[in-house]
Protein backbone atom coordinates (compact mmCIF):
# COMPACT_ATOMS: atom_id res chain seq x y z
CA MET A 1 92.38 25.00 9.31
CA SER A 2 89.02 25.64 10.98
CA SER A 3 87.03 28.73 10.10
CA ILE A 4 87.39 31.92 12.15
CA SER A 5 84.37 32.81 14.28
CA SER A 6 85.66 35.69 16.44
CA LEU A 7 88.39 38.19 15.54
CA LEU A 8 90.20 40.85 17.57
CA VAL A 9 91.69 43.85 15.76
CA ALA A 10 94.92 44.95 17.44
CA ASN A 11 94.46 48.51 16.27
CA ARG A 12 92.17 51.52 16.48
CA GLY A 13 90.26 54.11 14.48
CA GLU A 14 89.59 53.87 10.80
CA ILE A 15 91.37 50.58 10.08
CA ALA A 16 89.64 48.79 12.98
CA CYS A 17 86.24 49.99 11.71
CA ARG A 18 87.20 48.93 8.18
CA ILE A 19 88.07 45.38 9.28
CA PHE A 20 84.95 45.14 11.46
CA ARG A 21 82.81 45.99 8.43
CA THR A 22 84.12 43.00 6.50
CA CYS A 23 83.83 40.76 9.55
CA GLY A 24 80.17 41.75 9.85
CA GLU A 25 79.58 40.76 6.22
CA LEU A 26 81.28 37.39 6.87
CA GLY A 27 79.37 36.75 10.10
CA ILE A 28 82.50 36.95 12.26
CA ARG A 29 82.17 38.29 15.83
CA THR A 30 84.40 41.31 16.45
CA VAL A 31 86.52 42.39 19.43
CA ALA A 32 88.08 45.84 19.84
CA VAL A 33 90.82 47.05 22.14
CA HIS A 34 90.88 50.65 23.27
CA SER A 35 93.01 52.99 25.33
CA ASP A 36 91.49 55.29 27.93
CA ALA A 37 91.70 58.12 25.39
CA ASP A 38 89.66 55.95 22.98
CA GLU A 39 87.03 54.85 25.49
CA ASN A 40 84.24 56.43 23.43
CA ALA A 41 85.91 56.01 20.03
CA LEU A 42 83.84 54.66 17.15
CA HIS A 43 85.82 51.42 16.81
CA ALA A 44 85.16 50.60 20.49
CA ARG A 45 81.45 51.28 20.01
CA VAL A 46 80.81 49.31 16.82
CA ALA A 47 82.61 46.11 17.87
CA ASP A 48 80.65 43.26 19.43
CA ALA A 49 83.00 43.42 22.44
CA ALA A 50 85.68 45.86 23.57
CA VAL A 51 88.59 45.42 25.99
CA ARG A 52 90.22 48.33 27.82
CA LEU A 53 93.99 48.87 27.62
CA PRO A 54 94.76 51.15 30.61
CA GLY A 55 96.54 54.38 29.72
CA ALA A 56 96.60 56.77 26.76
CA ALA A 57 100.11 56.69 25.26
CA SER A 58 100.72 54.15 22.50
CA ALA A 59 103.60 52.60 24.46
CA GLU A 60 101.20 51.80 27.32
CA THR A 61 98.37 50.50 25.14
CA TYR A 62 98.43 49.67 21.43
CA LEU A 63 102.13 48.72 21.52
CA ARG A 64 101.64 46.29 24.43
CA GLY A 65 101.47 42.97 22.64
CA ASP A 66 101.16 41.05 25.90
CA LEU A 67 98.01 42.96 26.89
CA ILE A 68 96.48 42.52 23.44
CA VAL A 69 97.04 38.73 23.40
CA LYS A 70 95.54 38.52 26.88
CA ALA A 71 92.56 40.59 25.70
CA ALA A 72 91.98 38.25 22.75
CA LEU A 73 92.00 35.18 25.00
CA ASN A 74 89.75 36.74 27.63
CA ALA A 75 87.26 37.91 24.99
CA GLY A 76 87.08 34.46 23.37
CA ALA A 77 88.58 35.53 20.04
CA ASP A 78 90.21 32.87 17.91
CA ALA A 79 92.10 35.22 15.56
CA VAL A 80 93.98 38.54 15.62
CA HIS A 81 94.22 41.06 12.76
CA PRO A 82 96.96 43.69 13.33
CA GLY A 83 95.65 46.35 10.93
CA TYR A 84 98.49 48.72 9.97
CA GLY A 85 100.96 50.65 12.10
CA PHE A 86 101.53 49.84 15.78
CA LEU A 87 102.42 46.10 16.02
CA SER A 88 101.43 45.10 12.48
CA GLU A 89 105.05 44.46 11.46
CA ASN A 90 106.31 43.10 14.77
CA ALA A 91 107.47 39.49 14.43
CA ASP A 92 107.54 38.92 18.19
CA PHE A 93 103.88 39.94 18.42
CA ALA A 94 102.97 37.59 15.55
CA ARG A 95 104.74 34.73 17.38
CA ALA A 96 103.01 35.57 20.65
CA VAL A 97 99.62 35.44 18.90
CA ARG A 98 100.41 32.04 17.38
CA ASP A 99 101.93 30.68 20.59
CA ALA A 100 98.68 31.55 22.36
CA GLY A 101 96.83 29.25 19.95
CA LEU A 102 95.28 32.13 18.00
CA VAL A 103 95.15 32.58 14.23
CA TRP A 104 97.42 35.38 12.99
CA ILE A 105 95.92 37.31 10.04
CA GLY A 106 99.25 38.16 8.47
CA PRO A 107 102.50 36.80 7.10
CA PRO A 108 104.69 34.31 8.99
CA PRO A 109 106.93 35.87 11.66
CA GLU A 110 109.98 34.82 9.67
CA ALA A 111 108.79 36.80 6.64
CA ILE A 112 108.12 39.83 8.85
CA GLU A 113 111.64 39.61 10.28
CA ALA A 114 113.12 39.41 6.79
CA MET A 115 111.14 42.29 5.31
CA ALA A 116 109.67 44.45 8.08
CA SER A 117 113.14 45.70 8.97
CA LYS A 118 113.95 47.90 6.01
CA THR A 119 117.68 47.38 6.49
CA ARG A 120 117.37 43.60 6.21
CA ALA A 121 114.89 43.92 3.33
CA LYS A 122 117.33 46.01 1.33
CA GLU A 123 120.10 43.52 1.94
CA LEU A 124 117.80 40.72 0.76
CA MET A 125 117.06 42.67 -2.43
CA GLY A 126 120.76 43.50 -2.95
CA VAL A 127 120.57 47.17 -1.84
CA GLU A 128 123.05 48.42 0.77
CA PRO A 129 122.28 51.36 3.11
CA LEU A 130 124.92 54.03 3.75
CA HIS A 131 127.10 53.19 6.74
CA GLU A 132 129.10 56.43 6.57
CA VAL A 133 127.90 59.72 5.10
CA ALA A 134 130.21 62.12 3.27
CA GLU A 135 129.49 65.48 1.65
CA ALA A 136 129.32 63.80 -1.75
CA ASP A 137 126.48 61.52 -0.54
CA LEU A 138 124.09 64.39 0.19
CA PRO A 139 121.15 64.64 0.21
CA VAL A 140 120.39 61.54 2.27
CA LEU A 141 117.29 60.18 3.97
CA VAL A 142 117.27 59.04 7.60
CA LYS A 143 114.61 56.37 7.90
CA ALA A 144 113.11 54.18 10.63
CA ALA A 145 113.93 50.50 10.13
CA ALA A 146 110.48 49.48 11.39
CA GLY A 147 106.98 50.81 10.77
CA GLY A 148 105.92 53.33 8.16
CA GLY A 149 103.54 56.24 7.64
CA GLY A 150 106.38 58.77 7.30
CA ARG A 151 107.31 58.57 10.98
CA GLY A 152 110.98 58.47 11.87
CA MET A 153 112.07 60.01 8.54
CA ARG A 154 114.24 63.07 7.91
CA VAL A 155 115.83 64.49 4.74
CA VAL A 156 119.38 65.74 5.41
CA ARG A 157 120.98 68.23 3.03
CA ARG A 158 123.90 69.37 5.24
CA LEU A 159 126.30 67.21 7.22
CA ASP A 160 125.90 69.35 10.34
CA GLU A 161 122.17 68.46 10.35
CA LEU A 162 122.75 64.69 10.36
CA GLU A 163 123.16 64.14 14.10
CA ASP A 164 119.97 66.05 14.98
CA ALA A 165 118.10 64.17 12.26
CA LEU A 166 119.27 60.80 13.63
CA THR A 167 118.27 61.78 17.18
CA GLY A 168 114.82 63.00 16.14
CA ALA A 169 114.14 60.02 13.86
CA ARG A 170 115.12 57.53 16.58
CA ALA A 171 112.85 59.21 19.15
CA GLU A 172 109.89 59.39 16.76
CA ALA A 173 110.32 55.77 15.61
CA ALA A 174 110.59 54.48 19.18
CA SER A 175 107.43 56.35 20.16
CA ALA A 176 105.41 55.17 17.13
CA PHE A 177 106.67 51.58 16.71
CA GLY A 178 108.53 50.65 19.88
CA ASP A 179 111.74 50.33 17.84
CA GLY A 180 114.26 53.17 17.55
CA GLU A 181 116.49 51.58 14.87
CA VAL A 182 117.15 53.91 11.91
CA PHE A 183 119.35 53.79 8.82
CA VAL A 184 120.58 56.19 6.13
CA GLU A 185 120.12 55.86 2.38
CA PRO A 186 120.59 58.14 -0.66
CA TYR A 187 117.68 60.51 -1.21
CA VAL A 188 116.50 60.41 -4.83
CA GLU A 189 114.83 63.69 -5.79
CA GLY A 190 112.28 64.07 -8.56
CA GLY A 191 111.12 60.46 -8.34
CA ARG A 192 107.65 58.96 -8.12
CA HIS A 193 106.55 56.68 -5.31
CA VAL A 194 105.07 53.59 -6.98
CA GLU A 195 104.09 50.38 -5.21
CA VAL A 196 102.69 46.96 -6.04
CA GLN A 197 100.00 45.23 -3.96
CA ILE A 198 100.67 41.53 -3.51
CA LEU A 199 98.57 38.74 -2.04
CA ALA A 200 99.90 35.22 -1.42
CA ASP A 201 98.34 32.01 -0.11
CA THR A 202 99.82 28.93 1.60
CA HIS A 203 99.62 26.93 -1.63
CA GLY A 204 102.30 28.78 -3.61
CA THR A 205 100.17 31.33 -5.46
CA VAL A 206 101.27 34.98 -5.44
CA TRP A 207 99.12 37.71 -6.99
CA ALA A 208 100.52 41.03 -8.16
CA LEU A 209 97.46 43.28 -7.95
CA GLY A 210 98.60 46.15 -10.13
CA THR A 211 100.42 49.37 -9.26
CA ARG A 212 99.58 52.38 -7.11
CA ASP A 213 101.07 55.87 -7.32
CA CYS A 214 101.54 57.55 -3.93
CA SER A 215 103.78 60.46 -4.92
CA LEU A 216 101.79 63.24 -3.26
CA GLN A 217 103.22 63.16 0.26
CA ARG A 218 103.81 65.47 3.19
CA ARG A 219 106.49 64.63 5.73
CA HIS A 220 107.00 61.40 3.75
CA GLN A 221 103.43 60.38 4.56
CA LYS A 222 101.04 59.77 1.68
CA VAL A 223 98.20 62.21 1.05
CA ILE A 224 96.70 61.16 -2.30
CA GLU A 225 97.01 57.70 -3.85
CA GLU A 226 95.70 56.16 -7.03
CA ALA A 227 95.53 52.90 -8.97
CA PRO A 228 96.85 52.11 -11.44
CA ALA A 229 99.94 54.35 -11.40
CA PRO A 230 99.52 56.55 -14.50
CA GLY A 231 102.05 56.96 -17.28
CA LEU A 232 104.16 53.83 -16.74
CA THR A 233 105.28 51.86 -19.76
CA HIS A 234 104.09 48.28 -20.11
CA GLY A 235 107.68 47.09 -19.71
CA LEU A 236 108.24 49.00 -16.48
CA THR A 237 104.90 47.81 -15.07
CA GLN A 238 105.85 44.20 -15.78
CA GLU A 239 109.26 44.73 -14.17
CA LEU A 240 107.63 46.12 -11.02
CA HIS A 241 105.23 43.15 -10.86
CA GLU A 242 108.08 40.67 -11.27
CA LEU A 243 110.23 42.34 -8.62
CA ALA A 244 107.31 42.37 -6.17
CA VAL A 245 106.52 38.68 -6.72
CA ARG A 246 110.24 37.86 -6.39
CA ALA A 247 110.39 39.67 -3.06
CA ALA A 248 107.35 37.74 -1.79
CA ARG A 249 108.66 34.37 -2.89
CA ALA A 250 112.11 35.09 -1.42
CA VAL A 251 110.63 35.01 2.10
CA ASP A 252 107.77 32.51 1.57
CA TYR A 253 105.29 35.31 2.04
CA VAL A 254 101.65 34.68 2.97
CA GLY A 255 98.85 37.25 3.08
CA ALA A 256 98.63 40.86 1.89
CA GLY A 257 101.71 43.05 1.51
CA THR A 258 103.10 45.91 -0.51
CA VAL A 259 106.43 46.31 -2.29
CA GLU A 260 107.42 49.95 -2.70
CA PHE A 261 109.68 51.54 -5.30
CA LEU A 262 110.97 54.95 -6.27
CA VAL A 263 110.67 55.38 -10.03
CA ALA A 264 113.06 57.92 -11.58
CA ASP A 265 114.33 58.26 -15.15
CA GLY A 266 112.38 55.17 -16.17
CA ARG A 267 114.11 52.98 -13.58
CA ALA A 268 112.72 51.29 -10.47
CA HIS A 269 114.64 51.59 -7.19
CA PHE A 270 113.53 49.20 -4.42
CA LEU A 271 112.50 51.03 -1.24
CA GLU A 272 110.92 48.49 1.11
CA MET A 273 108.30 45.83 1.58
CA ASN A 274 105.44 46.51 3.98
CA THR A 275 104.35 43.20 5.50
CA ARG A 276 100.81 44.35 6.20
CA LEU A 277 97.73 45.92 4.67
CA GLN A 278 98.29 49.52 3.56
CA VAL A 279 96.17 52.60 4.28
CA GLU A 280 95.66 53.02 0.54
CA HIS A 281 94.39 49.46 -0.11
CA PRO A 282 90.85 50.69 -1.05
CA VAL A 283 92.00 51.96 -4.47
CA THR A 284 93.20 48.46 -5.35
CA GLU A 285 89.94 46.99 -4.04
CA ALA A 286 87.96 49.38 -6.24
CA VAL A 287 89.92 48.65 -9.41
CA PHE A 288 89.97 44.85 -8.98
CA GLY A 289 86.50 44.54 -7.43
CA ILE A 290 87.77 42.63 -4.38
CA ASP A 291 87.78 42.85 -0.57
CA LEU A 292 91.39 42.50 0.56
CA VAL A 293 90.45 42.04 4.21
CA ALA A 294 88.09 39.17 3.31
CA LEU A 295 90.86 37.60 1.23
CA GLN A 296 93.32 37.99 4.13
CA ILE A 297 90.91 36.09 6.37
CA GLN A 298 90.29 33.36 3.77
CA VAL A 299 94.04 32.87 3.26
CA ALA A 300 94.54 32.65 7.04
CA GLU A 301 91.83 29.95 7.08
CA GLY A 302 93.84 27.96 4.52
CA ALA A 303 91.87 28.76 1.36
CA ALA A 304 93.65 28.80 -2.00
CA LEU A 305 93.63 31.78 -4.33
CA GLU A 306 92.67 31.44 -7.98
CA ASN A 307 95.65 30.99 -10.28
CA GLU A 308 95.21 34.51 -11.65
CA PRO A 309 93.83 37.65 -10.00
CA PRO A 310 90.63 39.31 -11.26
CA ARG A 311 90.91 41.72 -14.16
CA ALA A 312 91.46 45.39 -13.34
CA ARG A 313 88.77 47.85 -14.40
CA GLY A 314 88.81 51.64 -14.38
CA HIS A 315 90.74 54.02 -12.15
CA ALA A 316 90.49 54.81 -8.43
CA ILE A 317 91.85 57.73 -6.39
CA GLU A 318 92.00 58.10 -2.61
CA ALA A 319 92.50 61.29 -0.59
CA ARG A 320 93.33 61.30 3.11
CA LEU A 321 91.41 63.88 5.10
CA TYR A 322 93.55 65.09 8.00
CA ALA A 323 92.79 67.35 10.95
CA GLU A 324 95.76 69.59 10.21
CA ASP A 325 96.61 73.02 8.83
CA PRO A 326 98.83 72.70 5.73
CA ALA A 327 99.44 76.48 5.76
CA ARG A 328 101.01 76.23 9.24
CA ALA A 329 103.62 73.54 8.60
CA TRP A 330 100.95 70.81 8.63
CA ALA A 331 100.24 71.50 12.32
CA PRO A 332 97.79 68.90 13.72
CA GLN A 333 94.44 70.24 14.92
CA THR A 334 92.27 69.12 17.79
CA GLY A 335 88.68 69.74 18.85
CA THR A 336 85.18 68.41 18.29
CA LEU A 337 84.19 66.91 14.95
CA HIS A 338 80.61 68.14 14.78
CA ARG A 339 79.73 66.82 11.32
CA LEU A 340 81.38 64.79 8.56
CA THR A 341 79.53 63.68 5.42
CA VAL A 342 80.38 63.27 1.73
CA PRO A 343 78.01 63.01 -1.24
CA ASP A 344 76.78 59.58 -2.34
CA GLY A 345 78.91 57.66 -4.81
CA VAL A 346 82.20 58.12 -2.94
CA ARG A 347 83.51 55.59 -0.43
CA LEU A 348 84.31 57.07 2.98
CA ASP A 349 86.41 55.04 5.42
CA THR A 350 86.53 56.71 8.83
CA GLY A 351 87.02 55.97 12.49
CA HIS A 352 85.00 58.97 13.63
CA THR A 353 81.39 60.00 13.88
CA ASP A 354 79.62 63.27 14.62
CA GLY A 355 80.46 64.60 18.07
CA ASP A 356 83.81 62.80 18.43
CA THR A 357 86.73 64.61 20.03
CA ILE A 358 89.93 64.71 17.98
CA GLY A 359 92.71 64.45 20.56
CA ILE A 360 96.49 64.69 20.64
CA HIS A 361 97.46 61.06 21.15
CA TYR A 362 97.10 59.48 17.71
CA ASP A 363 97.26 60.08 13.97
CA PRO A 364 95.25 63.13 12.80
CA MET A 365 93.59 61.31 9.88
CA LEU A 366 89.81 61.79 10.00
CA ALA A 367 88.85 59.73 6.96
CA LYS A 368 89.76 58.45 3.52
CA ALA A 369 87.58 59.37 0.54
CA VAL A 370 87.79 57.07 -2.50
CA ALA A 371 86.35 57.59 -5.98
CA HIS A 372 86.24 54.97 -8.75
CA ALA A 373 85.38 55.70 -12.38
CA PRO A 374 86.05 54.29 -15.87
CA THR A 375 88.90 56.79 -16.50
CA ARG A 376 91.44 58.72 -14.43
CA ALA A 377 90.01 62.09 -15.49
CA GLN A 378 86.52 61.03 -14.40
CA ALA A 379 87.78 59.71 -11.04
CA LEU A 380 89.66 62.98 -10.43
CA ARG A 381 86.61 65.09 -11.18
CA LYS A 382 84.36 62.87 -9.06
CA LEU A 383 86.62 62.95 -5.99
CA ALA A 384 87.42 66.68 -6.19
CA GLY A 385 83.74 67.52 -6.52
CA ALA A 386 82.74 65.27 -3.63
CA LEU A 387 85.36 66.75 -1.30
CA GLU A 388 84.37 70.27 -2.31
CA ARG A 389 80.74 69.54 -1.42
CA ALA A 390 81.51 67.53 1.72
CA THR A 391 80.21 68.80 5.06
CA ILE A 392 83.13 69.03 7.50
CA HIS A 393 82.35 70.94 10.69
CA GLY A 394 85.13 70.76 13.25
CA PRO A 395 88.88 71.31 13.44
CA VAL A 396 90.78 72.80 10.52
CA THR A 397 91.41 70.16 7.84
CA ASN A 398 93.39 69.76 4.63
CA ARG A 399 90.17 69.56 2.54
CA ASP A 400 90.92 72.68 0.44
CA LEU A 401 94.45 71.45 -0.22
CA LEU A 402 93.12 68.10 -1.44
CA VAL A 403 90.64 69.73 -3.83
CA ARG A 404 93.26 72.08 -5.25
CA SER A 405 95.80 69.24 -5.55
CA LEU A 406 93.37 67.06 -7.48
CA ARG A 407 92.77 69.95 -9.91
CA HIS A 408 96.40 71.08 -10.23
CA ARG A 409 97.66 70.87 -13.81
CA GLU A 410 100.79 68.95 -12.84
CA PHE A 411 98.69 66.29 -11.15
CA THR A 412 95.95 66.08 -13.77
CA ASP A 413 98.68 65.64 -16.40
CA ALA A 414 100.31 62.88 -14.26
CA ARG A 415 103.63 64.77 -14.11
CA MET A 416 103.81 64.76 -10.28
CA ASP A 417 106.63 63.44 -8.12
CA THR A 418 107.42 63.27 -4.40
CA GLY A 419 108.49 66.94 -4.42
CA PHE A 420 105.02 68.15 -5.46
CA TYR A 421 104.21 69.87 -2.16
CA ASP A 422 107.73 71.26 -1.78
CA ARG A 423 107.14 73.17 -5.02
CA HIS A 424 103.45 74.03 -4.80
CA LEU A 425 102.41 74.20 -1.15
CA ALA A 426 102.44 78.00 -0.93
CA GLY A 427 100.12 78.35 -3.93
CA LEU A 428 97.88 75.49 -2.86
CA THR A 429 97.33 77.02 0.59
CA GLU A 430 96.95 80.64 -0.55
CA PRO A 431 93.69 81.92 0.97
CA ALA A 432 90.93 82.62 -1.55
CA PRO A 433 88.55 84.71 0.55
CA ASP A 434 84.95 85.05 -0.50
CA PRO A 435 83.73 88.43 0.85
CA TYR A 436 80.15 87.20 0.91
CA VAL A 437 80.84 84.30 3.30
CA PRO A 438 81.34 86.54 6.39
CA LEU A 439 78.34 88.60 5.31
CA ALA A 440 76.18 85.48 5.11
CA ALA A 441 77.38 84.44 8.59
CA ALA A 442 76.53 87.86 10.02
CA LEU A 443 73.08 87.96 8.40
CA ALA A 444 72.27 84.46 9.67
CA ASP A 445 73.44 85.47 13.14
CA ALA A 446 71.33 88.62 13.05
CA GLN A 447 68.28 86.65 11.95
CA GLY A 448 68.81 84.17 14.77
CA ARG A 449 69.16 86.93 17.38
CA SER A 450 66.16 88.84 16.04
CA ARG A 451 63.89 86.10 17.38
CA PHE A 452 64.80 87.23 20.87
CA GLY A 453 65.73 90.91 20.59
CA GLY A 454 63.42 92.31 17.90
CA TRP A 455 64.37 94.73 15.11
CA ARG A 456 66.16 98.03 15.56
CA ASN A 457 64.40 101.15 14.27
CA LEU A 458 67.63 103.08 13.62
CA THR A 459 68.03 102.14 9.98
CA SER A 460 70.87 104.62 9.55
CA GLN A 461 72.96 102.85 12.18
CA PRO A 462 74.92 99.97 10.55
CA GLN A 463 75.51 96.79 12.51
CA THR A 464 79.03 95.33 12.46
CA LYS A 465 80.34 91.83 13.02
CA ARG A 466 83.95 90.57 13.05
CA TYR A 467 85.10 87.11 11.98
CA LEU A 468 88.42 85.33 11.67
CA VAL A 469 88.66 83.50 8.32
CA HIS A 470 91.82 81.61 7.30
CA GLY A 471 93.76 83.59 9.91
CA THR A 472 92.59 86.97 8.58
CA GLU A 473 90.12 89.25 10.32
CA HIS A 474 87.05 90.38 8.36
CA GLU A 475 84.53 93.02 9.40
CA VAL A 476 81.11 93.14 7.74
CA ARG A 477 78.31 95.71 7.95
CA TYR A 478 74.61 95.37 7.41
CA HIS A 479 71.38 97.20 8.33
CA HIS A 480 68.15 96.23 10.02
CA THR A 481 65.15 97.81 8.32
CA ARG A 482 61.42 97.38 8.57
CA GLU A 483 61.61 95.39 5.35
CA GLY A 484 64.34 93.12 6.75
CA LEU A 485 68.12 92.86 6.49
CA THR A 486 70.07 94.80 3.88
CA ALA A 487 73.73 95.10 2.92
CA GLU A 488 75.58 97.34 0.50
CA GLY A 489 76.22 95.94 -2.98
CA VAL A 490 73.96 92.88 -2.68
CA ARG A 491 70.29 92.05 -2.55
CA VAL A 492 69.32 89.90 0.43
CA VAL A 493 66.84 87.44 -1.08
CA ARG A 494 66.51 85.38 2.07
CA ALA A 495 68.10 85.38 5.51
CA ASP A 496 67.35 82.57 7.95
CA ALA A 497 69.40 81.37 10.89
CA ASP A 498 70.72 78.44 8.82
CA HIS A 499 70.31 79.56 5.21
CA VAL A 500 71.10 82.82 3.43
CA VAL A 501 70.46 83.67 -0.23
CA LEU A 502 72.20 86.69 -1.77
CA GLU A 503 71.91 88.14 -5.23
CA VAL A 504 75.29 89.45 -6.41
CA GLY A 505 75.55 91.05 -9.84
CA GLY A 506 72.37 89.35 -10.93
CA MET A 507 73.61 85.93 -9.78
CA ARG A 508 71.87 84.15 -6.93
CA ARG A 509 74.13 82.48 -4.35
CA ASN A 510 73.13 80.05 -1.59
CA PHE A 511 74.91 79.82 1.77
CA GLU A 512 74.23 77.05 4.27
CA VAL A 513 75.11 78.18 7.81
CA ALA A 514 75.78 76.10 10.92
CA ARG A 515 76.98 77.19 14.36
CA HIS A 516 78.92 75.35 17.03
CA GLY A 517 79.87 77.73 19.84
CA ASP A 518 82.06 80.53 18.49
CA GLN A 519 82.66 78.57 15.29
CA VAL A 520 80.47 79.25 12.28
CA PHE A 521 80.51 77.14 9.11
CA VAL A 522 79.27 78.71 5.88
CA ASN A 523 79.24 76.14 3.09
CA ALA A 524 82.83 74.80 3.18
CA THR A 525 84.36 77.73 5.08
CA ALA A 526 85.02 77.86 8.83
CA LEU A 527 84.81 81.21 10.60
CA THR A 528 85.40 82.22 14.20
CA ALA A 529 83.21 84.96 15.62
CA LEU A 530 85.35 87.62 17.32
CA PRO A 531 84.35 89.79 20.27
CA ARG A 532 83.67 93.47 19.59
CA PHE A 533 86.72 94.49 21.62
CA PRO A 534 90.02 92.52 21.87
CA ASP A 535 90.87 90.96 25.25
CA PRO A 536 93.95 92.78 26.66
CA ALA A 537 94.89 89.65 28.61
CA ALA A 538 95.41 87.80 25.32
CA GLN A 539 98.34 90.03 24.34
CA ARG A 540 101.81 88.44 24.50
CA ALA A 541 105.28 89.92 24.78
CA PRO A 542 107.27 90.16 21.52
CA GLY A 543 109.41 87.05 20.98
CA SER A 544 106.96 84.76 22.77
CA LEU A 545 107.08 81.14 21.61
CA LEU A 546 103.58 79.67 21.81
CA ALA A 547 102.66 76.02 21.38
CA PRO A 548 101.20 75.75 17.85
CA MET A 549 99.27 72.64 18.90
CA PRO A 550 98.50 70.63 22.02
CA GLY A 551 101.16 68.02 22.73
CA THR A 552 104.06 66.85 24.86
CA VAL A 553 107.45 68.54 25.16
CA VAL A 554 109.82 65.68 24.27
CA ARG A 555 113.18 67.47 24.00
CA ILE A 556 114.83 70.79 24.73
CA ALA A 557 118.00 71.94 22.96
CA GLU A 558 121.11 71.05 24.92
CA GLY A 559 122.16 73.80 27.32
CA LEU A 560 119.06 75.92 26.68
CA ALA A 561 118.14 78.06 29.69
CA ALA A 562 117.21 81.62 30.58
CA GLY A 563 120.10 83.82 29.44
CA THR A 564 121.13 81.59 26.50
CA ALA A 565 121.94 83.44 23.27
CA VAL A 566 120.13 82.00 20.23
CA ARG A 567 120.01 82.67 16.49
CA ALA A 568 116.89 83.23 14.42
CA GLY A 569 115.63 79.86 13.16
CA GLU A 570 117.68 77.85 15.70
CA PRO A 571 115.74 74.81 17.04
CA LEU A 572 114.94 75.30 20.72
CA LEU A 573 112.55 72.50 21.61
CA TRP A 574 110.46 69.72 20.14
CA LEU A 575 106.80 68.86 20.68
CA GLU A 576 105.23 65.49 19.98
CA ALA A 577 101.63 65.58 18.81
CA MET A 578 99.66 62.87 17.04
CA LYS A 579 102.76 60.61 16.84
CA MET A 580 104.87 63.21 14.98
CA GLU A 581 107.64 65.47 16.27
CA HIS A 582 107.34 69.22 15.62
CA LYS A 583 110.33 71.54 15.90
CA ILE A 584 109.92 74.93 17.62
CA SER A 585 112.57 77.44 16.54
CA ALA A 586 113.69 80.86 17.74
CA PRO A 587 111.59 83.55 16.01
CA VAL A 588 114.40 86.12 16.26
CA SER A 589 118.06 86.32 17.19
CA GLY A 590 118.53 87.34 20.80
CA THR A 591 118.53 85.97 24.33
CA VAL A 592 116.16 83.53 26.00
CA SER A 593 114.61 85.66 28.74
CA ALA A 594 112.22 82.95 29.99
CA LEU A 595 111.92 79.18 29.56
CA HIS A 596 108.64 77.68 30.74
CA ALA A 597 108.80 74.28 29.00
CA SER A 598 110.37 71.10 30.36
CA PRO A 599 110.66 67.55 28.93
CA GLY A 600 107.55 65.47 29.50
CA GLN A 601 105.33 68.51 30.03
CA GLN A 602 101.84 68.40 28.48
CA VAL A 603 100.92 71.73 26.88
CA GLU A 604 97.76 73.10 25.31
CA VAL A 605 97.64 75.09 22.08
CA GLY A 606 98.76 78.67 22.72
CA ALA A 607 100.70 77.79 25.88
CA LEU A 608 103.75 80.01 26.47
CA LEU A 609 106.87 77.85 26.00
CA ALA A 610 109.64 80.45 26.05
CA VAL A 611 110.42 84.10 25.35
CA VAL A 612 113.31 85.28 23.17
CA GLN A 613 114.31 88.90 23.71
CA HIS A 614 115.08 90.44 20.32
CA ALA A 615 118.70 91.52 19.81
CA GLY A 616 117.84 93.73 16.83
CA LYS A 617 118.99 91.22 14.23
CA GLU A 618 116.99 89.86 11.34
CA SER A 619 114.07 87.59 12.21
CA ALA A 620 113.77 84.02 11.01
CA PRO A 621 111.78 83.59 7.79
């Protein structure tokens, strides 16, 4: 097969940028596709050429295989890489690429058909899904047959929840992957999510590139991954490798793929095979010293792999940085990403750059940070420290959760399982306010304003400033004096508009301050400056249901209307934001006195969706 000279990535964001980086090193011309919402996205800017896909929704753009093939031909590309998600596991798309005379950087369509549908994959591996669910089968997991990333998945613990779970999973899967097929399987609790990276060529060689542990998950989507999976016996590791190679050979697999297992009580339970590159592939690259994207391209060009893979060295850990608020049910966050940097020595894969707008249409992942070190303990320390010192100015993120997770005793001792966040989320998201952070913000603000307004002579009159920090209001007081700024209980060593130094109990503390509108960032903490007096127009009636995030109203509970009686905690409507569905429930038992939402409606954060008039009964937790 001739060598590839120009490659289109049928994807967006971080993975497109990741593939372009390797293409640049190989001297391959790159072509991006972008929706209207991604017109100024980083992946569209760094590619050698970019083709517009009209529209914003995934179904109109990144899930339109016909438009993407046409874009590749018009741009002069001779190969297509699907990335992950979207059409990466769509056999019809792979065929369309090949039928157009283009090189497909992925497995044969027949292998995708056999393994990309999780129902067919389980049958191939001798595992049957549940066709009927009885009380004795609970808990069960409703799962999308196509795609991945935790979308289209629901845990069901009561039979009366099954129908709603099936409906929601189908809708979410259809929106994310263009395929609404779902199935039901037993839900194994207390297990670890362990997977094996495979790579196969067209000459019969299949590599098993070690294990990865991906047990720390939220909404069945991975948050922290590492390689190798810690604490597995040599025998179990060998069994996992053999099962993964068997799965690849069973479908004449070619290219990169991942075979996933749930490990419980020392036994491996086959979950699925992902016929694509995985988000977490960098940890395998770090441990084996390879570039999986470069190897994918070489295999697609017909090159043969060595008989044995390289030797693994050290330990690697990856953390996914999301624009979301873990303390508010993982609610996605939008806004401007003003600044994102991490210390040297840590790999950062991102699809964003300073000044980008984080919108509602796609996944909220901002970046992946990866640390590699000789031992697991060293890699943990390196990654936690880098994230703690990272500069992240923009929407709320899960950064603090990641740092605390990496330092949690259960994780450092490698005793974690997929229920880690179910058990520990409350503690991991507990605010740890630093009283000197708002003070530093106020002093920096005062110093900045003093350039224009001069100093006050009334030293007895304290100045006050109010900030919102982690959802809690803080008021700080300080004084202007002829000698400078002072505050009770501390010595102000230095106060500049962007840097404050305080001496507290004999210890000197440094605070770096940055401002972006009403948002203030002091070291790693985000604050919102509050007006001196609350705005009366911002007050809402009791029982108001406000949109917790910008998104689209996708469903309303059947029969819901003004005058409907509802119970506390009863689901009333569903929002879709960043490819995930979010349930909005009644805050109290009572009657719906107003319903402002309708299916298909686009809403902004804080929009009034409905009002439930309290009937005097107990509120939902």
